[in-house]
Amino acid sequence: MINDHKLPTKKDQADFEKELVGLQPNMYSFALSLTANPTNAEDLMQETSLRVLDNRDKYRPNTNFKGWVFTVMRNLFINSYHRSVRTNNIIDDSADLSYIGSQRDTEGLGAPDHELSLKEINQAIEALDELYQIPFSLYLSGFKYKEIADQLDLPIGTIKSRIFFARKQLQEQLSDYR
């Protein structure tokens, strides 16, 4: 059996790493736009670099290297976000969380009921088709439509539509909680 894939030479590996190092400033900017936190951006950039190096055999030569690296980064960010949602460890330094303890929001709900409701909401979001879930999750993270459109390389109208349909599906799934 003849293997069509050549093993990368040391020169190929060096070129690959050089290309990756050359993308570092762009990677940091993209990571910062995703995380909105310099420390988290650096962590995401390092994690992406490691993942790209570990999976260099999955890169197809003569394709958009930057696009591939940014897709890896975006997927790592989204997976990390989903993990944090599942464990309810989302900390947003930029959000005003004073409304959480307001009487109107908690009236009639004890803590266990409220936690169950959050759990059900998170499950409903995770159950969305990925087509809707990714833009909706980014929107929930505080990204603007244009930022989401740029990150996912889709028209802004498509992003608005997907977020609208995600909301509609969630409304239907969670109608029992009204």
N, C-alpha and C. Protein backbone atom coordinates (compact mmCIF):
# COMPACT_ATOMS: atom_id res chain seq x y z
N MET A 1 0.85 -1.17 0.00
CA MET A 1 0.00 0.00 0.00
C MET A 1 0.90 1.23 0.00
N ILE A 2 0.63 2.16 -0.87
CA ILE A 2 1.43 3.37 -0.99
C ILE A 2 0.74 4.48 -0.22
N ASN A 3 1.51 5.17 0.60
CA ASN A 3 0.98 6.28 1.39
C ASN A 3 1.13 7.57 0.59
N ASP A 4 0.02 8.24 0.30
CA ASP A 4 0.05 9.48 -0.47
C ASP A 4 0.54 10.66 0.34
N HIS A 5 0.54 10.55 1.66
CA HIS A 5 0.95 11.66 2.51
C HIS A 5 2.43 11.54 2.83
N LYS A 6 3.18 12.60 2.49
CA LYS A 6 4.59 12.61 2.83
C LYS A 6 4.74 13.00 4.28
N LEU A 7 5.71 12.42 4.94
CA LEU A 7 6.03 12.85 6.29
C LEU A 7 6.69 14.22 6.19
N PRO A 8 6.35 15.12 7.08
CA PRO A 8 6.94 16.45 6.99
C PRO A 8 8.44 16.40 7.30
N THR A 9 9.19 17.15 6.53
CA THR A 9 10.62 17.23 6.78
C THR A 9 10.87 18.25 7.87
N LYS A 10 12.11 18.29 8.37
CA LYS A 10 12.44 19.28 9.40
C LYS A 10 12.22 20.69 8.86
N LYS A 11 12.49 20.88 7.56
CA LYS A 11 12.27 22.19 6.95
C LYS A 11 10.78 22.53 6.96
N ASP A 12 9.93 21.55 6.61
CA ASP A 12 8.48 21.77 6.63
C ASP A 12 8.02 22.15 8.04
N GLN A 13 8.53 21.43 9.04
CA GLN A 13 8.15 21.72 10.43
C GLN A 13 8.63 23.11 10.84
N ALA A 14 9.83 23.46 10.44
CA ALA A 14 10.36 24.79 10.77
C ALA A 14 9.53 25.88 10.09
N ASP A 15 9.15 25.66 8.84
CA ASP A 15 8.30 26.62 8.12
C ASP A 15 6.94 26.76 8.81
N PHE A 16 6.38 25.64 9.23
CA PHE A 16 5.09 25.62 9.92
C PHE A 16 5.18 26.46 11.20
N GLU A 17 6.21 26.21 11.99
CA GLU A 17 6.38 26.93 13.25
C GLU A 17 6.65 28.41 13.00
N LYS A 18 7.43 28.71 11.96
CA LYS A 18 7.72 30.11 11.62
C LYS A 18 6.43 30.84 11.23
N GLU A 19 5.60 30.16 10.46
CA GLU A 19 4.30 30.74 10.05
C GLU A 19 3.42 31.00 11.28
N LEU A 20 3.42 30.05 12.21
CA LEU A 20 2.63 30.19 13.43
C LEU A 20 3.14 31.36 14.28
N VAL A 21 4.45 31.47 14.42
CA VAL A 21 5.03 32.57 15.19
C VAL A 21 4.68 33.91 14.53
N GLY A 22 4.68 33.95 13.22
CA GLY A 22 4.33 35.17 12.50
C GLY A 22 2.89 35.61 12.73
N LEU A 23 2.04 34.67 13.09
CA LEU A 23 0.62 34.99 13.34
C LEU A 23 0.35 35.45 14.78
N GLN A 24 1.34 35.39 15.65
CA GLN A 24 1.13 35.68 17.07
C GLN A 24 0.44 37.02 17.32
N PRO A 25 0.86 38.12 16.69
CA PRO A 25 0.14 39.39 16.95
C PRO A 25 -1.34 39.34 16.54
N ASN A 26 -1.62 38.72 15.40
CA ASN A 26 -3.01 38.59 14.95
C ASN A 26 -3.79 37.66 15.87
N MET A 27 -3.14 36.60 16.32
CA MET A 27 -3.79 35.65 17.23
C MET A 27 -4.15 36.34 18.53
N TYR A 28 -3.24 37.15 19.04
CA TYR A 28 -3.51 37.85 20.30
C TYR A 28 -4.70 38.80 20.14
N SER A 29 -4.72 39.53 19.05
CA SER A 29 -5.84 40.46 18.81
C SER A 29 -7.16 39.71 18.74
N PHE A 30 -7.18 38.59 18.03
CA PHE A 30 -8.41 37.80 17.91
C PHE A 30 -8.79 37.21 19.27
N ALA A 31 -7.81 36.69 20.00
CA ALA A 31 -8.08 36.12 21.33
C ALA A 31 -8.63 37.19 22.27
N LEU A 32 -8.08 38.39 22.19
CA LEU A 32 -8.55 39.48 23.03
C LEU A 32 -9.98 39.88 22.66
N SER A 33 -10.30 39.82 21.38
CA SER A 33 -11.67 40.14 20.97
C SER A 33 -12.65 39.08 21.47
N LEU A 34 -12.19 37.84 21.60
CA LEU A 34 -13.05 36.78 22.10
C LEU A 34 -13.22 36.84 23.61
N THR A 35 -12.10 37.03 24.31
CA THR A 35 -12.13 36.93 25.76
C THR A 35 -12.36 38.24 26.48
N ALA A 36 -12.01 39.35 25.84
CA ALA A 36 -12.11 40.68 26.45
C ALA A 36 -11.30 40.79 27.74
N ASN A 37 -10.24 39.99 27.83
CA ASN A 37 -9.39 39.99 29.02
C ASN A 37 -7.98 39.62 28.59
N PRO A 38 -6.98 40.48 28.82
CA PRO A 38 -5.62 40.21 28.34
C PRO A 38 -5.02 38.90 28.85
N THR A 39 -5.24 38.58 30.11
CA THR A 39 -4.69 37.33 30.65
C THR A 39 -5.33 36.12 29.99
N ASN A 40 -6.65 36.14 29.86
CA ASN A 40 -7.35 35.04 29.21
C ASN A 40 -6.98 34.95 27.73
N ALA A 41 -6.74 36.10 27.12
CA ALA A 41 -6.34 36.12 25.71
C ALA A 41 -4.99 35.42 25.54
N GLU A 42 -4.06 35.71 26.43
CA GLU A 42 -2.76 35.06 26.36
C GLU A 42 -2.88 33.55 26.57
N ASP A 43 -3.71 33.15 27.54
CA ASP A 43 -3.93 31.72 27.78
C ASP A 43 -4.53 31.04 26.55
N LEU A 44 -5.52 31.69 25.96
CA LEU A 44 -6.17 31.14 24.77
C LEU A 44 -5.18 31.05 23.61
N MET A 45 -4.34 32.05 23.48
CA MET A 45 -3.34 32.05 22.41
C MET A 45 -2.35 30.90 22.61
N GLN A 46 -1.90 30.68 23.83
CA GLN A 46 -0.97 29.59 24.11
C GLN A 46 -1.63 28.23 23.88
N GLU A 47 -2.86 28.09 24.35
CA GLU A 47 -3.58 26.84 24.16
C GLU A 47 -3.79 26.55 22.67
N THR A 48 -4.10 27.60 21.92
CA THR A 48 -4.27 27.45 20.47
C THR A 48 -2.97 27.04 19.81
N SER A 49 -1.88 27.67 20.18
CA SER A 49 -0.58 27.33 19.60
C SER A 49 -0.24 25.87 19.86
N LEU A 50 -0.47 25.42 21.09
CA LEU A 50 -0.20 24.02 21.41
C LEU A 50 -1.09 23.08 20.60
N ARG A 51 -2.35 23.42 20.49
CA ARG A 51 -3.29 22.58 19.75
C ARG A 51 -2.91 22.52 18.28
N VAL A 52 -2.54 23.67 17.72
CA VAL A 52 -2.14 23.73 16.31
C VAL A 52 -0.89 22.89 16.08
N LEU A 53 0.08 23.01 16.97
CA LEU A 53 1.32 22.24 16.82
C LEU A 53 1.06 20.74 16.98
N ASP A 54 0.20 20.39 17.92
CA ASP A 54 -0.14 18.97 18.11
C ASP A 54 -0.90 18.39 16.94
N ASN A 55 -1.63 19.25 16.22
CA ASN A 55 -2.47 18.76 15.13
C ASN A 55 -2.00 19.26 13.76
N ARG A 56 -0.73 19.56 13.64
CA ARG A 56 -0.21 20.08 12.38
C ARG A 56 -0.44 19.12 11.22
N ASP A 57 -0.55 17.83 11.52
CA ASP A 57 -0.79 16.86 10.46
C ASP A 57 -2.20 16.99 9.87
N LYS A 58 -3.10 17.68 10.57
CA LYS A 58 -4.46 17.87 10.07
C LYS A 58 -4.60 19.10 9.17
N TYR A 59 -3.56 19.94 9.15
CA TYR A 59 -3.59 21.10 8.28
C TYR A 59 -3.33 20.66 6.84
N ARG A 60 -4.16 21.14 5.93
CA ARG A 60 -3.99 20.82 4.52
C ARG A 60 -3.16 21.91 3.85
N PRO A 61 -2.00 21.55 3.33
CA PRO A 61 -1.16 22.55 2.66
C PRO A 61 -1.92 23.25 1.54
N ASN A 62 -1.50 24.45 1.25
CA ASN A 62 -2.09 25.29 0.20
C ASN A 62 -3.52 25.72 0.52
N THR A 63 -3.87 25.71 1.82
CA THR A 63 -5.15 26.27 2.24
C THR A 63 -4.84 27.44 3.17
N ASN A 64 -5.84 28.14 3.61
CA ASN A 64 -5.68 29.34 4.42
C ASN A 64 -5.21 28.96 5.83
N PHE A 65 -3.91 29.10 6.08
CA PHE A 65 -3.33 28.74 7.37
C PHE A 65 -3.91 29.61 8.49
N LYS A 66 -3.97 30.91 8.26
CA LYS A 66 -4.50 31.83 9.27
C LYS A 66 -5.95 31.47 9.61
N GLY A 67 -6.74 31.19 8.59
CA GLY A 67 -8.13 30.80 8.81
C GLY A 67 -8.24 29.53 9.64
N TRP A 68 -7.35 28.56 9.36
CA TRP A 68 -7.35 27.30 10.11
C TRP A 68 -6.99 27.55 11.57
N VAL A 69 -5.96 28.36 11.81
CA VAL A 69 -5.52 28.66 13.17
C VAL A 69 -6.63 29.40 13.92
N PHE A 70 -7.26 30.36 13.26
CA PHE A 70 -8.32 31.13 13.92
C PHE A 70 -9.54 30.25 14.20
N THR A 71 -9.81 29.30 13.34
CA THR A 71 -10.92 28.37 13.58
C THR A 71 -10.62 27.51 14.80
N VAL A 72 -9.39 27.04 14.91
CA VAL A 72 -8.99 26.27 16.10
C VAL A 72 -9.18 27.13 17.35
N MET A 73 -8.75 28.39 17.29
CA MET A 73 -8.87 29.29 18.44
C MET A 73 -10.34 29.52 18.79
N ARG A 74 -11.15 29.80 17.79
CA ARG A 74 -12.57 30.04 18.04
C ARG A 74 -13.22 28.81 18.67
N ASN A 75 -12.89 27.63 18.16
CA ASN A 75 -13.48 26.40 18.71
C ASN A 75 -13.03 26.16 20.15
N LEU A 76 -11.76 26.43 20.44
CA LEU A 76 -11.28 26.30 21.81
C LEU A 76 -12.02 27.27 22.74
N PHE A 77 -12.22 28.49 22.26
CA PHE A 77 -12.93 29.48 23.06
C PHE A 77 -14.37 29.03 23.32
N ILE A 78 -15.04 28.58 22.28
CA ILE A 78 -16.44 28.15 22.42
C ILE A 78 -16.53 26.94 23.35
N ASN A 79 -15.63 25.98 23.20
CA ASN A 79 -15.64 24.81 24.08
C ASN A 79 -15.39 25.21 25.53
N SER A 80 -14.48 26.13 25.73
CA SER A 80 -14.19 26.62 27.07
C SER A 80 -15.41 27.33 27.65
N TYR A 81 -16.05 28.12 26.81
CA TYR A 81 -17.26 28.82 27.25
C TYR A 81 -18.35 27.81 27.65
N HIS A 82 -18.55 26.79 26.86
CA HIS A 82 -19.57 25.79 27.17
C HIS A 82 -19.23 25.07 28.47
N ARG A 83 -17.95 24.77 28.69
CA ARG A 83 -17.55 24.14 29.93
C ARG A 83 -17.87 25.04 31.12
N SER A 84 -17.60 26.32 30.99
CA SER A 84 -17.86 27.23 32.10
C SER A 84 -19.36 27.40 32.34
N VAL A 85 -20.15 27.35 31.28
CA VAL A 85 -21.61 27.45 31.44
C VAL A 85 -22.12 26.22 32.19
N ARG A 86 -21.59 25.06 31.82
CA ARG A 86 -22.04 23.83 32.48
C ARG A 86 -21.71 23.83 33.96
N THR A 87 -20.61 24.42 34.33
CA THR A 87 -20.22 24.43 35.74
C THR A 87 -20.66 25.71 36.44
N ASN A 88 -21.38 26.57 35.70
CA ASN A 88 -21.88 27.84 36.25
C ASN A 88 -20.78 28.68 36.88
N ASN A 89 -19.63 28.71 36.22
CA ASN A 89 -18.51 29.50 36.72
C ASN A 89 -18.24 30.70 35.84
N ILE A 90 -19.25 31.28 35.26
CA ILE A 90 -19.05 32.43 34.40
C ILE A 90 -18.84 33.65 35.27
N ILE A 91 -17.73 34.32 35.06
CA ILE A 91 -17.44 35.56 35.77
C ILE A 91 -17.23 36.62 34.73
N ASP A 92 -18.07 37.63 34.76
CA ASP A 92 -17.96 38.71 33.79
C ASP A 92 -17.68 39.99 34.54
N ASP A 93 -16.42 40.43 34.47
CA ASP A 93 -16.02 41.64 35.18
C ASP A 93 -16.70 42.88 34.63
N SER A 94 -17.14 42.83 33.38
CA SER A 94 -17.68 44.02 32.76
C SER A 94 -19.18 44.21 33.01
N ALA A 95 -19.84 43.19 33.45
CA ALA A 95 -21.29 43.27 33.60
C ALA A 95 -21.67 43.83 34.97
N ASP A 96 -22.75 44.55 34.99
CA ASP A 96 -23.30 45.04 36.23
C ASP A 96 -24.23 43.95 36.74
N LEU A 97 -23.85 43.30 37.82
CA LEU A 97 -24.62 42.18 38.33
C LEU A 97 -25.52 42.56 39.50
N SER A 98 -25.74 43.85 39.70
CA SER A 98 -26.53 44.30 40.84
C SER A 98 -27.98 43.83 40.76
N TYR A 99 -28.45 43.56 39.56
CA TYR A 99 -29.84 43.16 39.40
C TYR A 99 -30.11 41.74 39.90
N ILE A 100 -29.07 40.95 40.13
CA ILE A 100 -29.26 39.55 40.50
C ILE A 100 -30.03 39.42 41.80
N GLY A 101 -29.74 40.26 42.76
CA GLY A 101 -30.40 40.15 44.06
C GLY A 101 -31.68 40.93 44.18
N SER A 102 -32.16 41.50 43.09
CA SER A 102 -33.36 42.34 43.19
C SER A 102 -34.58 41.51 43.55
N GLN A 103 -35.49 42.13 44.26
CA GLN A 103 -36.69 41.46 44.73
C GLN A 103 -37.51 40.92 43.57
N ARG A 104 -37.61 41.69 42.50
CA ARG A 104 -38.45 41.30 41.36
C ARG A 104 -37.94 40.02 40.71
N ASP A 105 -36.61 39.87 40.61
CA ASP A 105 -36.05 38.70 39.94
C ASP A 105 -36.16 37.43 40.77
N THR A 106 -36.16 37.55 42.10
CA THR A 106 -36.14 36.36 42.93
C THR A 106 -37.47 36.09 43.62
N GLU A 107 -38.42 36.98 43.45
CA GLU A 107 -39.71 36.83 44.12
C GLU A 107 -40.35 35.50 43.73
N GLY A 108 -40.74 34.74 44.74
CA GLY A 108 -41.42 33.49 44.49
C GLY A 108 -40.49 32.34 44.15
N LEU A 109 -39.21 32.59 44.07
CA LEU A 109 -38.28 31.51 43.76
C LEU A 109 -37.32 31.31 44.91
N GLY A 110 -37.27 30.10 45.43
CA GLY A 110 -36.23 29.78 46.38
C GLY A 110 -34.96 29.47 45.60
N ALA A 111 -33.87 29.38 46.26
CA ALA A 111 -32.59 29.15 45.59
C ALA A 111 -32.59 27.85 44.77
N PRO A 112 -33.10 26.71 45.30
CA PRO A 112 -33.07 25.49 44.49
C PRO A 112 -33.88 25.61 43.20
N ASP A 113 -35.03 26.26 43.26
CA ASP A 113 -35.83 26.43 42.05
C ASP A 113 -35.10 27.29 41.04
N HIS A 114 -34.46 28.35 41.53
CA HIS A 114 -33.75 29.26 40.65
C HIS A 114 -32.58 28.54 39.98
N GLU A 115 -31.84 27.70 40.74
CA GLU A 115 -30.73 26.95 40.16
C GLU A 115 -31.23 25.96 39.13
N LEU A 116 -32.33 25.31 39.41
CA LEU A 116 -32.89 24.37 38.45
C LEU A 116 -33.26 25.10 37.17
N SER A 117 -33.81 26.28 37.32
CA SER A 117 -34.18 27.07 36.15
C SER A 117 -32.94 27.42 35.32
N LEU A 118 -31.86 27.85 35.96
CA LEU A 118 -30.62 28.14 35.23
C LEU A 118 -30.08 26.89 34.55
N LYS A 119 -30.18 25.78 35.25
CA LYS A 119 -29.70 24.51 34.67
C LYS A 119 -30.52 24.16 33.43
N GLU A 120 -31.82 24.33 33.52
CA GLU A 120 -32.69 24.03 32.39
C GLU A 120 -32.41 24.97 31.21
N ILE A 121 -32.16 26.24 31.53
CA ILE A 121 -31.84 27.20 30.47
C ILE A 121 -30.55 26.81 29.78
N ASN A 122 -29.53 26.48 30.57
CA ASN A 122 -28.24 26.07 29.99
C ASN A 122 -28.39 24.80 29.14
N GLN A 123 -29.20 23.86 29.62
CA GLN A 123 -29.44 22.64 28.84
C GLN A 123 -30.16 22.96 27.53
N ALA A 124 -31.09 23.88 27.59
CA ALA A 124 -31.82 24.26 26.39
C ALA A 124 -30.89 24.93 25.38
N ILE A 125 -29.99 25.77 25.88
CA ILE A 125 -29.02 26.42 24.99
C ILE A 125 -28.10 25.38 24.36
N GLU A 126 -27.63 24.44 25.17
CA GLU A 126 -26.75 23.39 24.66
C GLU A 126 -27.46 22.49 23.66
N ALA A 127 -28.78 22.37 23.78
CA ALA A 127 -29.55 21.51 22.89
C ALA A 127 -29.81 22.16 21.52
N LEU A 128 -29.56 23.47 21.43
CA LEU A 128 -29.75 24.15 20.14
C LEU A 128 -28.81 23.56 19.10
N ASP A 129 -29.25 23.57 17.87
CA ASP A 129 -28.38 23.19 16.76
C ASP A 129 -27.17 24.12 16.77
N GLU A 130 -25.99 23.59 16.49
CA GLU A 130 -24.76 24.37 16.51
C GLU A 130 -24.86 25.62 15.63
N LEU A 131 -25.63 25.52 14.58
CA LEU A 131 -25.84 26.64 13.67
C LEU A 131 -26.37 27.87 14.42
N TYR A 132 -27.22 27.63 15.41
CA TYR A 132 -27.81 28.71 16.20
C TYR A 132 -27.08 28.90 17.53
N GLN A 133 -26.58 27.81 18.09
CA GLN A 133 -25.97 27.85 19.41
C GLN A 133 -24.73 28.73 19.46
N ILE A 134 -23.86 28.62 18.48
CA ILE A 134 -22.60 29.38 18.51
C ILE A 134 -22.85 30.88 18.46
N PRO A 135 -23.61 31.39 17.48
CA PRO A 135 -23.86 32.83 17.49
C PRO A 135 -24.61 33.29 18.74
N PHE A 136 -25.56 32.49 19.20
CA PHE A 136 -26.33 32.86 20.38
C PHE A 136 -25.45 32.91 21.62
N SER A 137 -24.57 31.92 21.77
CA SER A 137 -23.66 31.90 22.93
C SER A 137 -22.71 33.09 22.90
N LEU A 138 -22.22 33.42 21.72
CA LEU A 138 -21.34 34.59 21.61
C LEU A 138 -22.12 35.86 21.94
N TYR A 139 -23.37 35.93 21.50
CA TYR A 139 -24.21 37.08 21.79
C TYR A 139 -24.44 37.19 23.31
N LEU A 140 -24.69 36.06 23.96
CA LEU A 140 -24.86 36.06 25.40
C LEU A 140 -23.59 36.48 26.12
N SER A 141 -22.46 36.21 25.51
CA SER A 141 -21.17 36.58 26.10
C SER A 141 -20.91 38.08 25.98
N GLY A 142 -21.78 38.78 25.28
CA GLY A 142 -21.64 40.22 25.19
C GLY A 142 -21.11 40.74 23.87
N PHE A 143 -20.91 39.85 22.91
CA PHE A 143 -20.42 40.31 21.62
C PHE A 143 -21.54 40.96 20.83
N LYS A 144 -21.19 41.95 20.06
CA LYS A 144 -22.14 42.65 19.19
C LYS A 144 -22.32 41.83 17.90
N TYR A 145 -23.43 42.08 17.21
CA TYR A 145 -23.71 41.34 15.97
C TYR A 145 -22.53 41.41 15.00
N LYS A 146 -21.98 42.60 14.83
CA LYS A 146 -20.88 42.77 13.88
C LYS A 146 -19.66 41.96 14.29
N GLU A 147 -19.35 41.95 15.59
CA GLU A 147 -18.21 41.17 16.08
C GLU A 147 -18.42 39.68 15.83
N ILE A 148 -19.63 39.21 16.06
CA ILE A 148 -19.94 37.80 15.82
C ILE A 148 -19.84 37.49 14.34
N ALA A 149 -20.37 38.38 13.52
CA ALA A 149 -20.31 38.18 12.07
C ALA A 149 -18.86 38.11 11.60
N ASP A 150 -18.02 38.99 12.12
CA ASP A 150 -16.60 38.99 11.74
C ASP A 150 -15.91 37.71 12.20
N GLN A 151 -16.19 37.27 13.42
CA GLN A 151 -15.54 36.08 13.96
C GLN A 151 -15.96 34.81 13.22
N LEU A 152 -17.22 34.75 12.85
CA LEU A 152 -17.72 33.54 12.19
C LEU A 152 -17.67 33.66 10.67
N ASP A 153 -17.22 34.81 10.20
CA ASP A 153 -17.09 35.06 8.77
C ASP A 153 -18.42 34.83 8.04
N LEU A 154 -19.47 35.45 8.61
CA LEU A 154 -20.82 35.35 8.04
C LEU A 154 -21.40 36.76 7.93
N PRO A 155 -22.37 36.95 7.03
CA PRO A 155 -23.02 38.26 6.94
C PRO A 155 -23.77 38.59 8.23
N ILE A 156 -23.84 39.86 8.55
CA ILE A 156 -24.48 40.29 9.80
C ILE A 156 -25.97 39.90 9.81
N GLY A 157 -26.62 39.93 8.65
CA GLY A 157 -28.03 39.53 8.57
C GLY A 157 -28.22 38.07 8.95
N THR A 158 -27.28 37.22 8.57
CA THR A 158 -27.33 35.80 8.92
C THR A 158 -27.21 35.63 10.43
N ILE A 159 -26.31 36.40 11.03
CA ILE A 159 -26.12 36.33 12.48
C ILE A 159 -27.39 36.77 13.21
N LYS A 160 -27.98 37.87 12.77
CA LYS A 160 -29.22 38.36 13.40
C LYS A 160 -30.33 37.32 13.27
N SER A 161 -30.43 36.71 12.11
CA SER A 161 -31.44 35.69 11.88
C SER A 161 -31.24 34.48 12.78
N ARG A 162 -30.00 34.02 12.88
CA ARG A 162 -29.72 32.84 13.71
C ARG A 162 -29.98 33.11 15.18
N ILE A 163 -29.64 34.30 15.64
CA ILE A 163 -29.90 34.65 17.04
C ILE A 163 -31.41 34.76 17.27
N PHE A 164 -32.12 35.33 16.30
CA PHE A 164 -33.58 35.43 16.41
C PHE A 164 -34.20 34.04 16.53
N PHE A 165 -33.79 33.12 15.64
CA PHE A 165 -34.37 31.77 15.67
C PHE A 165 -33.93 30.99 16.91
N ALA A 166 -32.74 31.26 17.41
CA ALA A 166 -32.30 30.62 18.66
C ALA A 166 -33.20 31.08 19.81
N ARG A 167 -33.48 32.39 19.86
CA ARG A 167 -34.37 32.91 20.90
C ARG A 167 -35.76 32.28 20.80
N LYS A 168 -36.25 32.20 19.58
CA LYS A 168 -37.58 31.64 19.34
C LYS A 168 -37.64 30.17 19.80
N GLN A 169 -36.60 29.39 19.46
CA GLN A 169 -36.57 27.98 19.88
C GLN A 169 -36.49 27.87 21.40
N LEU A 170 -35.67 28.73 22.02
CA LEU A 170 -35.55 28.71 23.48
C LEU A 170 -36.86 29.11 24.14
N GLN A 171 -37.55 30.08 23.56
CA GLN A 171 -38.84 30.51 24.09
C GLN A 171 -39.82 29.34 24.09
N GLU A 172 -39.84 28.60 23.00
CA GLU A 172 -40.75 27.46 22.91
C GLU A 172 -40.36 26.36 23.90
N GLN A 173 -39.06 26.08 24.00
CA GLN A 173 -38.60 25.02 24.90
C GLN A 173 -38.83 25.37 26.37
N LEU A 174 -38.72 26.64 26.69
CA LEU A 174 -38.78 27.06 28.09
C LEU A 174 -40.12 27.70 28.46
N SER A 175 -41.14 27.52 27.64
CA SER A 175 -42.43 28.16 27.89
C SER A 175 -43.07 27.69 29.20
N ASP A 176 -42.69 26.53 29.70
CA ASP A 176 -43.24 26.03 30.96
C ASP A 176 -42.78 26.84 32.16
N TYR A 177 -41.70 27.61 32.00
CA TYR A 177 -41.13 28.35 33.12
C TYR A 177 -41.70 29.76 33.27
N ARG A 178 -42.64 30.14 32.44
CA ARG A 178 -43.21 31.50 32.52
C ARG A 178 -44.23 31.59 33.60
